[in-house]
Amino acid sequence: GDWYGRLAHSGVASPSAAPPGLGMGGFARRQRVAASGRELGDQFEYAIEGKIDVPRDSSAMLPIVQSEIKGEKVTVFTYGEDAPRFAVWLENTSDLTLDGGSVAILDENTFAGEGLIETLQAGESRLLSFAVDLGVEVSSNEEEPAEHVERVVVRDGLLWFHRRVESRRRYTVRNNDERPRRVILEHPIRADWELDGSIEPLETSASFYRFRIDVPPK
């Protein structure tokens, strides 16, 4: 969609005292401004292509990036939090960097919530949470860690015991809504622990394993 209505943090002025017909986005729709981007080390810039005319005593919001990008509505539950949240899993499929800031979410032309997003470079993906999902309940419990001796080695007059400790956590997800849910479960990465090889996460971030669970209605 048109990012000028959603990413109003792009460093451009918002409309004030705009003449009739040139309200928020109106001026931009007439101008159809486009931009090219380039990286400057760890920074980036947008170069507006073409001349911009702004009427006297007016300001304008210029659409720097107008491009469809991939996004999927999901429910996210993060271990340690009280409730799951609605989120959009964004993938920047444009060739420009999207600056960080506030984002307003429209779901079927209705305001659904707002959130904050960090700078999203081309090809990167990010979970953007925007509201609590009241239709989904998630509970979890952890079994007592089990410990057993895996092997014993005798070397140079010393007896070495190699112990293995296993910890298991069970998550239960209930969808009380009439519509199915795609739930992204974030389980924390623990230092010096390895994930059971039989369980493959959808992806791994710096702090969490992410698993995808499709939950049918009710």
N, C-alpha and C. Protein backbone atom coordinates (compact mmCIF):
# COMPACT_ATOMS: atom_id res chain seq x y z
N GLY A 1 0.83 -1.18 0.00
CA GLY A 1 0.00 0.00 0.00
C GLY A 1 0.87 1.24 0.00
N ASP A 2 0.24 2.42 0.09
CA ASP A 2 0.98 3.67 0.10
C ASP A 2 1.49 3.94 1.50
N TRP A 3 2.82 3.99 1.62
CA TRP A 3 3.43 4.09 2.94
C TRP A 3 3.29 5.47 3.57
N TYR A 4 2.90 6.49 2.77
CA TYR A 4 2.81 7.81 3.38
C TYR A 4 1.73 7.85 4.45
N GLY A 5 0.72 6.99 4.34
CA GLY A 5 -0.36 6.99 5.33
C GLY A 5 -0.02 6.19 6.57
N ARG A 6 1.02 5.37 6.46
CA ARG A 6 1.30 4.46 7.56
C ARG A 6 2.66 4.75 8.20
N LEU A 7 3.63 5.14 7.38
CA LEU A 7 4.94 5.44 7.94
C LEU A 7 5.14 6.95 7.93
N ALA A 8 4.39 7.64 8.77
CA ALA A 8 4.45 9.09 8.81
C ALA A 8 5.69 9.58 9.53
N HIS A 9 6.57 8.65 9.87
CA HIS A 9 7.79 8.99 10.59
C HIS A 9 8.96 9.20 9.65
N SER A 10 8.70 9.30 8.33
CA SER A 10 9.78 9.23 7.36
C SER A 10 10.57 10.52 7.24
N GLY A 11 10.40 11.42 8.20
CA GLY A 11 11.21 12.62 8.18
C GLY A 11 10.66 13.71 7.29
N VAL A 12 9.38 13.63 6.91
CA VAL A 12 8.79 14.66 6.07
C VAL A 12 7.71 15.36 6.87
N ALA A 13 7.36 16.58 6.44
CA ALA A 13 6.36 17.35 7.18
C ALA A 13 4.98 16.79 6.94
N SER A 14 4.15 16.82 7.95
CA SER A 14 2.76 16.42 7.79
C SER A 14 1.95 17.63 7.37
N PRO A 15 0.77 17.42 6.72
CA PRO A 15 0.01 18.54 6.19
C PRO A 15 -0.48 19.46 7.29
N SER A 16 -0.41 20.76 7.02
CA SER A 16 -1.05 21.74 7.89
C SER A 16 -1.52 22.88 7.01
N ALA A 17 -2.74 23.32 7.23
CA ALA A 17 -3.34 24.40 6.44
C ALA A 17 -3.29 24.09 4.96
N ALA A 18 -3.50 22.84 4.61
CA ALA A 18 -3.49 22.47 3.20
C ALA A 18 -4.73 22.99 2.52
N PRO A 19 -4.65 23.43 1.26
CA PRO A 19 -5.82 23.91 0.55
C PRO A 19 -6.80 22.79 0.31
N PRO A 20 -8.06 23.13 -0.03
CA PRO A 20 -9.08 22.09 -0.27
C PRO A 20 -8.61 21.09 -1.31
N GLY A 21 -8.87 19.81 -1.01
CA GLY A 21 -8.48 18.75 -1.93
C GLY A 21 -7.06 18.29 -1.76
N LEU A 22 -6.31 18.98 -0.90
CA LEU A 22 -4.92 18.60 -0.68
C LEU A 22 -4.71 18.25 0.78
N GLY A 23 -5.60 17.46 1.34
CA GLY A 23 -5.46 17.01 2.71
C GLY A 23 -4.39 15.95 2.80
N MET A 24 -4.42 15.19 3.88
CA MET A 24 -3.37 14.19 4.12
C MET A 24 -3.31 13.20 2.97
N GLY A 25 -2.23 13.20 2.25
CA GLY A 25 -2.04 12.28 1.14
C GLY A 25 -2.55 12.82 -0.18
N GLY A 26 -3.44 13.84 -0.17
CA GLY A 26 -3.98 14.35 -1.42
C GLY A 26 -2.90 14.95 -2.30
N PHE A 27 -2.08 15.80 -1.69
CA PHE A 27 -0.98 16.40 -2.43
C PHE A 27 -0.04 15.32 -2.95
N ALA A 28 0.21 14.35 -2.11
CA ALA A 28 1.13 13.29 -2.50
C ALA A 28 0.57 12.48 -3.65
N ARG A 29 -0.74 12.23 -3.65
CA ARG A 29 -1.31 11.44 -4.73
C ARG A 29 -1.21 12.17 -6.05
N ARG A 30 -1.29 13.51 -6.03
CA ARG A 30 -1.17 14.24 -7.27
C ARG A 30 0.27 14.24 -7.77
N GLN A 31 1.20 14.35 -6.85
CA GLN A 31 2.60 14.44 -7.24
C GLN A 31 3.18 13.08 -7.62
N ARG A 32 2.69 12.00 -6.99
CA ARG A 32 3.23 10.65 -7.23
C ARG A 32 4.74 10.64 -7.09
N VAL A 33 5.22 11.13 -5.98
CA VAL A 33 6.66 11.24 -5.75
C VAL A 33 7.28 9.86 -5.63
N ALA A 34 8.44 9.70 -6.19
CA ALA A 34 9.20 8.47 -6.03
C ALA A 34 10.58 8.82 -5.51
N ALA A 35 11.27 7.84 -4.97
CA ALA A 35 12.60 8.07 -4.41
C ALA A 35 13.48 6.88 -4.71
N SER A 36 14.76 7.15 -4.80
CA SER A 36 15.75 6.09 -4.87
C SER A 36 16.56 6.13 -3.60
N GLY A 37 17.09 4.99 -3.20
CA GLY A 37 17.83 4.93 -1.94
C GLY A 37 19.23 4.42 -2.14
N ARG A 38 20.10 4.78 -1.22
CA ARG A 38 21.46 4.24 -1.25
C ARG A 38 21.99 4.17 0.17
N GLU A 39 22.87 3.20 0.39
CA GLU A 39 23.46 3.00 1.70
C GLU A 39 24.64 3.95 1.87
N LEU A 40 24.79 4.48 3.08
CA LEU A 40 25.92 5.35 3.42
C LEU A 40 26.57 4.79 4.67
N GLY A 41 27.35 3.72 4.50
CA GLY A 41 27.90 3.04 5.66
C GLY A 41 26.77 2.40 6.43
N ASP A 42 26.61 2.77 7.72
CA ASP A 42 25.50 2.27 8.52
C ASP A 42 24.26 3.13 8.36
N GLN A 43 24.33 4.19 7.54
CA GLN A 43 23.20 5.08 7.33
C GLN A 43 22.61 4.82 5.95
N PHE A 44 21.54 5.54 5.64
CA PHE A 44 20.95 5.44 4.31
C PHE A 44 20.25 6.76 4.02
N GLU A 45 19.99 7.01 2.75
CA GLU A 45 19.29 8.24 2.38
C GLU A 45 18.29 7.95 1.28
N TYR A 46 17.26 8.80 1.22
CA TYR A 46 16.30 8.76 0.13
C TYR A 46 16.54 9.99 -0.75
N ALA A 47 16.68 9.79 -2.03
CA ALA A 47 16.84 10.89 -2.97
C ALA A 47 15.54 11.05 -3.74
N ILE A 48 14.83 12.16 -3.49
CA ILE A 48 13.57 12.42 -4.18
C ILE A 48 13.84 12.70 -5.65
N GLU A 49 13.11 12.01 -6.51
CA GLU A 49 13.30 12.17 -7.94
C GLU A 49 12.29 13.17 -8.48
N GLY A 50 12.79 14.19 -9.14
CA GLY A 50 11.90 15.18 -9.72
C GLY A 50 11.72 16.40 -8.83
N LYS A 51 11.07 17.43 -9.37
CA LYS A 51 10.84 18.68 -8.66
C LYS A 51 9.56 18.59 -7.83
N ILE A 52 9.59 19.20 -6.64
CA ILE A 52 8.43 19.21 -5.76
C ILE A 52 7.92 20.64 -5.61
N ASP A 53 6.66 20.87 -5.89
CA ASP A 53 6.04 22.17 -5.71
C ASP A 53 5.09 22.12 -4.53
N VAL A 54 5.27 23.01 -3.56
CA VAL A 54 4.40 23.09 -2.39
C VAL A 54 3.73 24.46 -2.40
N PRO A 55 2.40 24.52 -2.37
CA PRO A 55 1.70 25.80 -2.38
C PRO A 55 2.10 26.67 -1.18
N ARG A 56 1.95 27.95 -1.34
CA ARG A 56 2.29 28.89 -0.28
C ARG A 56 1.45 28.64 0.97
N ASP A 57 2.07 28.82 2.14
CA ASP A 57 1.40 28.62 3.44
C ASP A 57 0.90 27.20 3.61
N SER A 58 1.55 26.26 3.00
CA SER A 58 1.15 24.86 3.10
C SER A 58 2.38 24.00 3.36
N SER A 59 2.12 22.79 3.76
CA SER A 59 3.17 21.78 3.85
C SER A 59 2.63 20.50 3.25
N ALA A 60 3.48 19.55 3.03
CA ALA A 60 3.04 18.33 2.33
C ALA A 60 3.73 17.12 2.91
N MET A 61 3.02 16.01 2.89
CA MET A 61 3.62 14.72 3.24
C MET A 61 3.93 13.99 1.94
N LEU A 62 5.18 13.70 1.74
CA LEU A 62 5.62 13.10 0.48
C LEU A 62 5.79 11.60 0.63
N PRO A 63 5.17 10.81 -0.23
CA PRO A 63 5.34 9.35 -0.17
C PRO A 63 6.72 8.95 -0.69
N ILE A 64 7.62 8.64 0.23
CA ILE A 64 8.97 8.29 -0.18
C ILE A 64 9.01 6.88 -0.76
N VAL A 65 8.32 5.95 -0.10
CA VAL A 65 8.30 4.56 -0.55
C VAL A 65 6.86 4.17 -0.84
N GLN A 66 6.59 3.78 -2.06
CA GLN A 66 5.29 3.25 -2.42
C GLN A 66 5.50 1.88 -3.05
N SER A 67 5.37 0.85 -2.26
CA SER A 67 5.67 -0.49 -2.75
C SER A 67 4.92 -1.50 -1.91
N GLU A 68 4.38 -2.51 -2.53
CA GLU A 68 3.79 -3.61 -1.79
C GLU A 68 4.90 -4.47 -1.19
N ILE A 69 4.73 -4.82 0.09
CA ILE A 69 5.67 -5.73 0.73
C ILE A 69 4.89 -6.86 1.36
N LYS A 70 5.57 -7.95 1.61
CA LYS A 70 4.90 -9.12 2.17
C LYS A 70 4.56 -8.91 3.64
N GLY A 71 3.41 -9.36 4.04
CA GLY A 71 3.00 -9.28 5.44
C GLY A 71 1.97 -10.33 5.76
N GLU A 72 2.07 -10.95 6.91
CA GLU A 72 1.13 -11.99 7.33
C GLU A 72 0.64 -11.67 8.74
N LYS A 73 -0.68 -11.70 8.92
CA LYS A 73 -1.24 -11.48 10.25
C LYS A 73 -1.12 -12.76 11.06
N VAL A 74 -0.52 -12.65 12.24
CA VAL A 74 -0.30 -13.81 13.10
C VAL A 74 -0.61 -13.42 14.54
N THR A 75 -0.62 -14.43 15.40
CA THR A 75 -0.70 -14.21 16.85
C THR A 75 0.63 -14.65 17.45
N VAL A 76 1.20 -13.80 18.29
CA VAL A 76 2.52 -14.06 18.87
C VAL A 76 2.37 -14.25 20.37
N PHE A 77 2.94 -15.34 20.88
CA PHE A 77 3.03 -15.52 22.33
C PHE A 77 4.50 -15.68 22.70
N THR A 78 4.95 -14.82 23.59
CA THR A 78 6.34 -14.84 24.06
C THR A 78 6.39 -15.36 25.48
N TYR A 79 7.24 -16.35 25.71
CA TYR A 79 7.38 -16.92 27.05
C TYR A 79 7.66 -15.81 28.07
N GLY A 80 6.92 -15.86 29.19
CA GLY A 80 7.10 -14.86 30.23
C GLY A 80 6.08 -13.74 30.18
N GLU A 81 5.34 -13.61 29.07
CA GLU A 81 4.31 -12.58 28.98
C GLU A 81 2.95 -13.16 29.34
N ASP A 82 2.01 -12.28 29.69
CA ASP A 82 0.71 -12.73 30.18
C ASP A 82 -0.25 -13.15 29.06
N ALA A 83 -0.21 -12.46 27.95
CA ALA A 83 -1.23 -12.69 26.92
C ALA A 83 -0.59 -12.67 25.54
N PRO A 84 -1.17 -13.41 24.60
CA PRO A 84 -0.70 -13.35 23.21
C PRO A 84 -1.10 -12.03 22.57
N ARG A 85 -0.42 -11.67 21.48
CA ARG A 85 -0.67 -10.41 20.80
C ARG A 85 -0.85 -10.64 19.31
N PHE A 86 -1.72 -9.82 18.72
CA PHE A 86 -1.78 -9.77 17.26
C PHE A 86 -0.50 -9.12 16.74
N ALA A 87 -0.04 -9.60 15.60
CA ALA A 87 1.17 -9.03 15.01
C ALA A 87 1.10 -9.20 13.50
N VAL A 88 1.88 -8.39 12.83
CA VAL A 88 2.10 -8.55 11.40
C VAL A 88 3.55 -8.98 11.21
N TRP A 89 3.72 -10.09 10.49
CA TRP A 89 5.07 -10.55 10.19
C TRP A 89 5.47 -9.92 8.86
N LEU A 90 6.25 -8.84 8.93
CA LEU A 90 6.61 -8.07 7.75
C LEU A 90 7.91 -8.57 7.15
N GLU A 91 7.94 -8.59 5.84
CA GLU A 91 9.18 -8.85 5.12
C GLU A 91 9.37 -7.72 4.12
N ASN A 92 10.47 -7.01 4.24
CA ASN A 92 10.72 -5.88 3.35
C ASN A 92 11.18 -6.40 2.00
N THR A 93 10.22 -6.58 1.10
CA THR A 93 10.52 -7.09 -0.24
C THR A 93 10.79 -5.95 -1.23
N SER A 94 10.81 -4.70 -0.74
CA SER A 94 11.21 -3.59 -1.59
C SER A 94 12.74 -3.54 -1.63
N ASP A 95 13.25 -2.64 -2.46
CA ASP A 95 14.72 -2.50 -2.53
C ASP A 95 15.20 -1.30 -1.74
N LEU A 96 14.32 -0.74 -0.87
CA LEU A 96 14.68 0.42 -0.06
C LEU A 96 14.63 0.06 1.41
N THR A 97 15.41 0.79 2.21
CA THR A 97 15.35 0.64 3.66
C THR A 97 14.13 1.38 4.20
N LEU A 98 13.38 0.75 5.08
CA LEU A 98 12.23 1.39 5.72
C LEU A 98 12.68 1.92 7.08
N ASP A 99 12.52 3.21 7.28
CA ASP A 99 12.97 3.83 8.52
C ASP A 99 12.08 3.39 9.69
N GLY A 100 12.63 3.40 10.90
CA GLY A 100 11.87 3.00 12.07
C GLY A 100 10.91 4.09 12.51
N GLY A 101 9.93 3.70 13.31
CA GLY A 101 8.97 4.67 13.83
C GLY A 101 7.65 4.01 14.15
N SER A 102 6.60 4.82 14.26
CA SER A 102 5.27 4.31 14.61
C SER A 102 4.55 3.87 13.35
N VAL A 103 3.72 2.83 13.49
CA VAL A 103 2.97 2.27 12.37
C VAL A 103 1.53 2.08 12.81
N ALA A 104 0.59 2.54 12.00
CA ALA A 104 -0.83 2.31 12.24
C ALA A 104 -1.28 1.13 11.38
N ILE A 105 -2.02 0.20 11.98
CA ILE A 105 -2.46 -1.02 11.30
C ILE A 105 -3.94 -0.89 10.95
N LEU A 106 -4.28 -1.09 9.67
CA LEU A 106 -5.66 -1.13 9.21
C LEU A 106 -5.98 -2.56 8.81
N ASP A 107 -7.04 -3.11 9.37
CA ASP A 107 -7.48 -4.48 9.06
C ASP A 107 -8.87 -4.38 8.47
N GLU A 108 -8.99 -4.71 7.18
CA GLU A 108 -10.26 -4.59 6.46
C GLU A 108 -10.83 -3.18 6.59
N ASN A 109 -9.95 -2.19 6.33
CA ASN A 109 -10.30 -0.77 6.34
C ASN A 109 -10.74 -0.26 7.71
N THR A 110 -10.40 -0.99 8.77
CA THR A 110 -10.73 -0.56 10.12
C THR A 110 -9.45 -0.47 10.94
N PHE A 111 -9.33 0.59 11.73
CA PHE A 111 -8.15 0.74 12.57
C PHE A 111 -8.08 -0.41 13.57
N ALA A 112 -6.95 -1.13 13.57
CA ALA A 112 -6.81 -2.31 14.43
C ALA A 112 -5.81 -2.10 15.55
N GLY A 113 -4.97 -1.10 15.46
CA GLY A 113 -3.98 -0.88 16.49
C GLY A 113 -2.76 -0.18 15.92
N GLU A 114 -1.79 0.04 16.76
CA GLU A 114 -0.56 0.67 16.31
C GLU A 114 0.62 0.09 17.08
N GLY A 115 1.77 0.23 16.51
CA GLY A 115 2.96 -0.31 17.14
C GLY A 115 4.19 0.45 16.68
N LEU A 116 5.34 -0.01 17.14
CA LEU A 116 6.62 0.60 16.78
C LEU A 116 7.47 -0.42 16.04
N ILE A 117 8.19 0.04 15.07
CA ILE A 117 9.04 -0.85 14.30
C ILE A 117 10.43 -0.23 14.19
N GLU A 118 11.44 -1.08 14.24
CA GLU A 118 12.80 -0.62 14.05
C GLU A 118 13.10 -0.54 12.56
N THR A 119 14.23 0.07 12.23
CA THR A 119 14.63 0.17 10.83
C THR A 119 14.67 -1.21 10.19
N LEU A 120 14.06 -1.31 9.01
CA LEU A 120 13.93 -2.60 8.32
C LEU A 120 14.61 -2.49 6.97
N GLN A 121 15.74 -3.16 6.85
CA GLN A 121 16.48 -3.09 5.60
C GLN A 121 15.88 -4.05 4.57
N ALA A 122 16.25 -3.84 3.33
CA ALA A 122 15.73 -4.68 2.25
C ALA A 122 16.07 -6.14 2.52
N GLY A 123 15.04 -7.00 2.42
CA GLY A 123 15.24 -8.43 2.64
C GLY A 123 15.05 -8.88 4.06
N GLU A 124 14.98 -7.95 5.03
CA GLU A 124 14.80 -8.31 6.43
C GLU A 124 13.33 -8.54 6.74
N SER A 125 13.07 -9.33 7.79
CA SER A 125 11.71 -9.56 8.26
C SER A 125 11.65 -9.20 9.73
N ARG A 126 10.44 -8.84 10.20
CA ARG A 126 10.27 -8.39 11.57
C ARG A 126 8.84 -8.65 12.01
N LEU A 127 8.67 -9.01 13.28
CA LEU A 127 7.34 -9.14 13.87
C LEU A 127 6.94 -7.80 14.47
N LEU A 128 5.80 -7.29 14.05
CA LEU A 128 5.29 -6.01 14.52
C LEU A 128 3.98 -6.26 15.27
N SER A 129 4.02 -6.25 16.60
CA SER A 129 2.81 -6.49 17.38
C SER A 129 2.06 -5.18 17.56
N PHE A 130 0.70 -5.27 17.59
CA PHE A 130 -0.08 -4.04 17.63
C PHE A 130 -1.29 -4.11 18.55
N ALA A 131 -1.70 -5.27 19.04
CA ALA A 131 -2.87 -5.35 19.92
C ALA A 131 -2.89 -6.70 20.61
N VAL A 132 -3.62 -6.78 21.73
CA VAL A 132 -3.78 -8.05 22.45
C VAL A 132 -4.80 -8.91 21.72
N ASP A 133 -4.51 -10.19 21.58
CA ASP A 133 -5.44 -11.14 20.97
C ASP A 133 -6.26 -11.79 22.08
N LEU A 134 -7.50 -11.34 22.24
CA LEU A 134 -8.36 -11.83 23.31
C LEU A 134 -8.97 -13.20 22.98
N GLY A 135 -8.82 -13.65 21.75
CA GLY A 135 -9.43 -14.92 21.35
C GLY A 135 -8.55 -16.13 21.57
N VAL A 136 -7.32 -15.93 21.99
CA VAL A 136 -6.37 -17.05 22.14
C VAL A 136 -5.84 -17.07 23.57
N GLU A 137 -5.79 -18.27 24.14
CA GLU A 137 -5.21 -18.48 25.46
C GLU A 137 -4.03 -19.43 25.34
N VAL A 138 -2.95 -19.10 26.04
CA VAL A 138 -1.76 -19.94 26.03
C VAL A 138 -1.32 -20.18 27.47
N SER A 139 -1.13 -21.44 27.81
CA SER A 139 -0.60 -21.79 29.13
C SER A 139 0.61 -22.70 28.94
N SER A 140 1.46 -22.76 29.95
CA SER A 140 2.64 -23.61 29.84
C SER A 140 3.03 -24.12 31.21
N ASN A 141 3.67 -25.27 31.21
CA ASN A 141 4.22 -25.81 32.46
C ASN A 141 5.51 -26.57 32.14
N GLU A 142 6.42 -26.56 33.10
CA GLU A 142 7.73 -27.20 32.91
C GLU A 142 7.86 -28.40 33.83
N GLU A 143 8.28 -29.51 33.26
CA GLU A 143 8.51 -30.71 34.05
C GLU A 143 9.81 -30.56 34.85
N GLU A 144 9.92 -31.33 35.91
CA GLU A 144 11.15 -31.33 36.70
C GLU A 144 12.31 -31.80 35.82
N PRO A 145 13.43 -31.06 35.81
CA PRO A 145 14.57 -31.47 34.99
C PRO A 145 15.03 -32.89 35.36
N ALA A 146 15.29 -33.67 34.33
CA ALA A 146 15.79 -35.04 34.53
C ALA A 146 17.29 -35.06 34.28
N GLU A 147 18.01 -35.77 35.14
CA GLU A 147 19.46 -35.84 35.01
C GLU A 147 19.90 -37.29 35.02
N HIS A 148 20.79 -37.64 34.12
CA HIS A 148 21.33 -39.00 34.11
C HIS A 148 22.77 -38.96 33.60
N VAL A 149 23.52 -39.99 33.98
CA VAL A 149 24.91 -40.11 33.53
C VAL A 149 24.92 -40.66 32.12
N GLU A 150 25.56 -39.94 31.20
CA GLU A 150 25.57 -40.33 29.80
C GLU A 150 26.76 -41.25 29.47
N ARG A 151 27.91 -40.98 30.09
CA ARG A 151 29.07 -41.85 29.88
C ARG A 151 30.08 -41.61 31.00
N VAL A 152 30.94 -42.60 31.18
CA VAL A 152 31.99 -42.53 32.19
C VAL A 152 33.32 -42.81 31.50
N VAL A 153 34.31 -41.98 31.79
CA VAL A 153 35.63 -42.11 31.17
C VAL A 153 36.69 -42.18 32.26
N VAL A 154 37.54 -43.18 32.14
CA VAL A 154 38.68 -43.29 33.05
C VAL A 154 39.93 -42.91 32.25
N ARG A 155 40.63 -41.85 32.73
CA ARG A 155 41.81 -41.39 31.99
C ARG A 155 42.81 -40.78 32.97
N ASP A 156 44.05 -41.26 32.87
CA ASP A 156 45.16 -40.73 33.69
C ASP A 156 44.83 -40.79 35.18
N GLY A 157 44.22 -41.90 35.59
CA GLY A 157 43.93 -42.10 37.00
C GLY A 157 42.74 -41.30 37.50
N LEU A 158 42.01 -40.67 36.59
CA LEU A 158 40.83 -39.90 36.97
C LEU A 158 39.58 -40.53 36.38
N LEU A 159 38.46 -40.40 37.11
CA LEU A 159 37.17 -40.93 36.67
C LEU A 159 36.27 -39.74 36.30
N TRP A 160 35.89 -39.66 35.02
CA TRP A 160 35.09 -38.54 34.52
C TRP A 160 33.65 -38.99 34.29
N PHE A 161 32.71 -38.31 34.90
CA PHE A 161 31.28 -38.55 34.68
C PHE A 161 30.73 -37.44 33.77
N HIS A 162 30.11 -37.84 32.69
CA HIS A 162 29.44 -36.89 31.79
C HIS A 162 27.93 -36.99 32.03
N ARG A 163 27.37 -35.94 32.60
CA ARG A 163 25.95 -35.95 32.94
C ARG A 163 25.16 -35.14 31.91
N ARG A 164 23.97 -35.59 31.68
CA ARG A 164 23.06 -34.91 30.75
C ARG A 164 21.81 -34.49 31.53
N VAL A 165 21.45 -33.23 31.44
CA VAL A 165 20.25 -32.70 32.09
C VAL A 165 19.25 -32.32 31.01
N GLU A 166 18.04 -32.82 31.13
CA GLU A 166 16.98 -32.53 30.16
C GLU A 166 15.85 -31.78 30.85
N SER A 167 15.40 -30.71 30.20
CA SER A 167 14.28 -29.92 30.69
C SER A 167 13.22 -29.87 29.60
N ARG A 168 11.97 -30.07 29.97
CA ARG A 168 10.90 -30.10 28.99
C ARG A 168 9.78 -29.15 29.41
N ARG A 169 9.35 -28.30 28.48
CA ARG A 169 8.24 -27.38 28.74
C ARG A 169 7.12 -27.66 27.73
N ARG A 170 5.90 -27.75 28.26
CA ARG A 170 4.73 -28.01 27.40
C ARG A 170 3.87 -26.76 27.31
N TYR A 171 3.54 -26.38 26.08
CA TYR A 171 2.65 -25.24 25.82
C TYR A 171 1.29 -25.76 25.34
N THR A 172 0.23 -25.19 25.87
CA THR A 172 -1.12 -25.52 25.42
C THR A 172 -1.77 -24.26 24.87
N VAL A 173 -2.20 -24.32 23.62
CA VAL A 173 -2.79 -23.17 22.94
C VAL A 173 -4.26 -23.47 22.65
N ARG A 174 -5.16 -22.57 23.07
CA ARG A 174 -6.57 -22.73 22.79
C ARG A 174 -7.07 -21.52 22.01
N ASN A 175 -7.73 -21.80 20.88
CA ASN A 175 -8.32 -20.76 20.06
C ASN A 175 -9.83 -20.71 20.33
N ASN A 176 -10.29 -19.68 21.01
CA ASN A 176 -11.70 -19.54 21.33
C ASN A 176 -12.50 -18.81 20.25
N ASP A 177 -11.84 -18.41 19.19
CA ASP A 177 -12.49 -17.64 18.13
C ASP A 177 -13.11 -18.56 17.08
N GLU A 178 -13.92 -17.94 16.21
CA GLU A 178 -14.55 -18.69 15.12
C GLU A 178 -13.63 -18.83 13.91
N ARG A 179 -12.52 -18.12 13.93
CA ARG A 179 -11.58 -18.17 12.81
C ARG A 179 -10.27 -18.84 13.24
N PRO A 180 -9.61 -19.50 12.32
CA PRO A 180 -8.34 -20.16 12.67
C PRO A 180 -7.28 -19.13 13.00
N ARG A 181 -6.27 -19.56 13.73
CA ARG A 181 -5.17 -18.70 14.11
C ARG A 181 -3.84 -19.35 13.72
N ARG A 182 -2.93 -18.53 13.26
CA ARG A 182 -1.53 -18.96 13.10
C ARG A 182 -0.76 -18.34 14.24
N VAL A 183 -0.28 -19.18 15.15
CA VAL A 183 0.36 -18.72 16.37
C VAL A 183 1.87 -18.89 16.23
N ILE A 184 2.60 -17.82 16.52
CA ILE A 184 4.06 -17.86 16.57
C ILE A 184 4.45 -17.91 18.04
N LEU A 185 5.07 -19.00 18.45
CA LEU A 185 5.45 -19.23 19.85
C LEU A 185 6.93 -18.91 20.01
N GLU A 186 7.25 -17.96 20.90
CA GLU A 186 8.64 -17.58 21.14
C GLU A 186 9.11 -18.19 22.45
N HIS A 187 10.04 -19.13 22.33
CA HIS A 187 10.60 -19.82 23.49
C HIS A 187 12.03 -19.34 23.69
N PRO A 188 12.42 -18.98 24.91
CA PRO A 188 13.73 -18.35 25.12
C PRO A 188 14.90 -19.30 24.86
N ILE A 189 15.96 -18.74 24.32
CA ILE A 189 17.22 -19.45 24.16
C ILE A 189 17.99 -19.36 25.47
N ARG A 190 18.40 -20.49 26.01
CA ARG A 190 19.10 -20.54 27.29
C ARG A 190 20.58 -20.86 27.04
N ALA A 191 21.44 -20.08 27.68
CA ALA A 191 22.88 -20.28 27.52
C ALA A 191 23.28 -21.68 28.01
N ASP A 192 24.17 -22.33 27.28
CA ASP A 192 24.72 -23.65 27.62
C ASP A 192 23.69 -24.77 27.49
N TRP A 193 22.56 -24.49 26.85
CA TRP A 193 21.55 -25.52 26.59
C TRP A 193 21.38 -25.66 25.09
N GLU A 194 21.04 -26.87 24.64
CA GLU A 194 20.78 -27.13 23.23
C GLU A 194 19.35 -27.60 23.06
N LEU A 195 18.74 -27.19 21.96
CA LEU A 195 17.38 -27.61 21.66
C LEU A 195 17.38 -29.05 21.17
N ASP A 196 16.37 -29.82 21.59
CA ASP A 196 16.22 -31.21 21.14
C ASP A 196 16.25 -31.24 19.61
N GLY A 197 17.10 -32.07 19.06
CA GLY A 197 17.26 -32.11 17.61
C GLY A 197 16.02 -32.53 16.84
N SER A 198 15.05 -33.15 17.51
CA SER A 198 13.84 -33.60 16.82
C SER A 198 12.84 -32.47 16.63
N ILE A 199 13.10 -31.29 17.23
CA ILE A 199 12.18 -30.16 17.14
C ILE A 199 12.89 -29.04 16.39
N GLU A 200 12.37 -28.67 15.23
CA GLU A 200 12.99 -27.63 14.43
C GLU A 200 12.18 -26.34 14.52
N PRO A 201 12.79 -25.24 14.98
CA PRO A 201 12.07 -23.97 14.99
C PRO A 201 11.90 -23.41 13.59
N LEU A 202 10.88 -22.57 13.43
CA LEU A 202 10.68 -21.90 12.15
C LEU A 202 11.84 -20.96 11.86
N GLU A 203 12.28 -20.23 12.89
CA GLU A 203 13.46 -19.38 12.78
C GLU A 203 14.00 -19.12 14.18
N THR A 204 15.21 -18.58 14.24
CA THR A 204 15.86 -18.30 15.51
C THR A 204 16.31 -16.85 15.51
N SER A 205 15.93 -16.11 16.57
CA SER A 205 16.40 -14.74 16.74
C SER A 205 17.54 -14.74 17.76
N ALA A 206 17.98 -13.56 18.17
CA ALA A 206 19.07 -13.48 19.13
C ALA A 206 18.66 -14.02 20.50
N SER A 207 17.35 -13.97 20.82
CA SER A 207 16.89 -14.34 22.16
C SER A 207 15.90 -15.49 22.18
N PHE A 208 15.26 -15.81 21.03
CA PHE A 208 14.16 -16.77 21.05
C PHE A 208 14.25 -17.76 19.89
N TYR A 209 13.75 -18.99 20.18
CA TYR A 209 13.34 -19.89 19.12
C TYR A 209 11.90 -19.54 18.77
N ARG A 210 11.56 -19.54 17.47
CA ARG A 210 10.19 -19.25 17.04
C ARG A 210 9.61 -20.49 16.38
N PHE A 211 8.45 -20.92 16.90
CA PHE A 211 7.74 -22.08 16.36
C PHE A 211 6.38 -21.63 15.84
N ARG A 212 5.93 -22.24 14.77
CA ARG A 212 4.62 -21.90 14.18
C ARG A 212 3.62 -23.01 14.49
N ILE A 213 2.47 -22.61 14.99
CA ILE A 213 1.40 -23.54 15.34
C ILE A 213 0.12 -23.06 14.68
N ASP A 214 -0.49 -23.86 13.83
CA ASP A 214 -1.78 -23.53 13.25
C ASP A 214 -2.88 -24.14 14.10
N VAL A 215 -3.76 -23.28 14.65
CA VAL A 215 -4.78 -23.71 15.59
C VAL A 215 -6.15 -23.50 14.94
N PRO A 216 -6.95 -24.54 14.78
CA PRO A 216 -8.28 -24.40 14.17
C PRO A 216 -9.24 -23.68 15.12
N PRO A 217 -10.39 -23.23 14.63
CA PRO A 217 -11.37 -22.56 15.48
C PRO A 217 -11.84 -23.47 16.62
N LYS A 218 -12.05 -22.88 17.77
CA LYS A 218 -12.57 -23.59 18.92
C LYS A 218 -11.73 -24.80 19.30
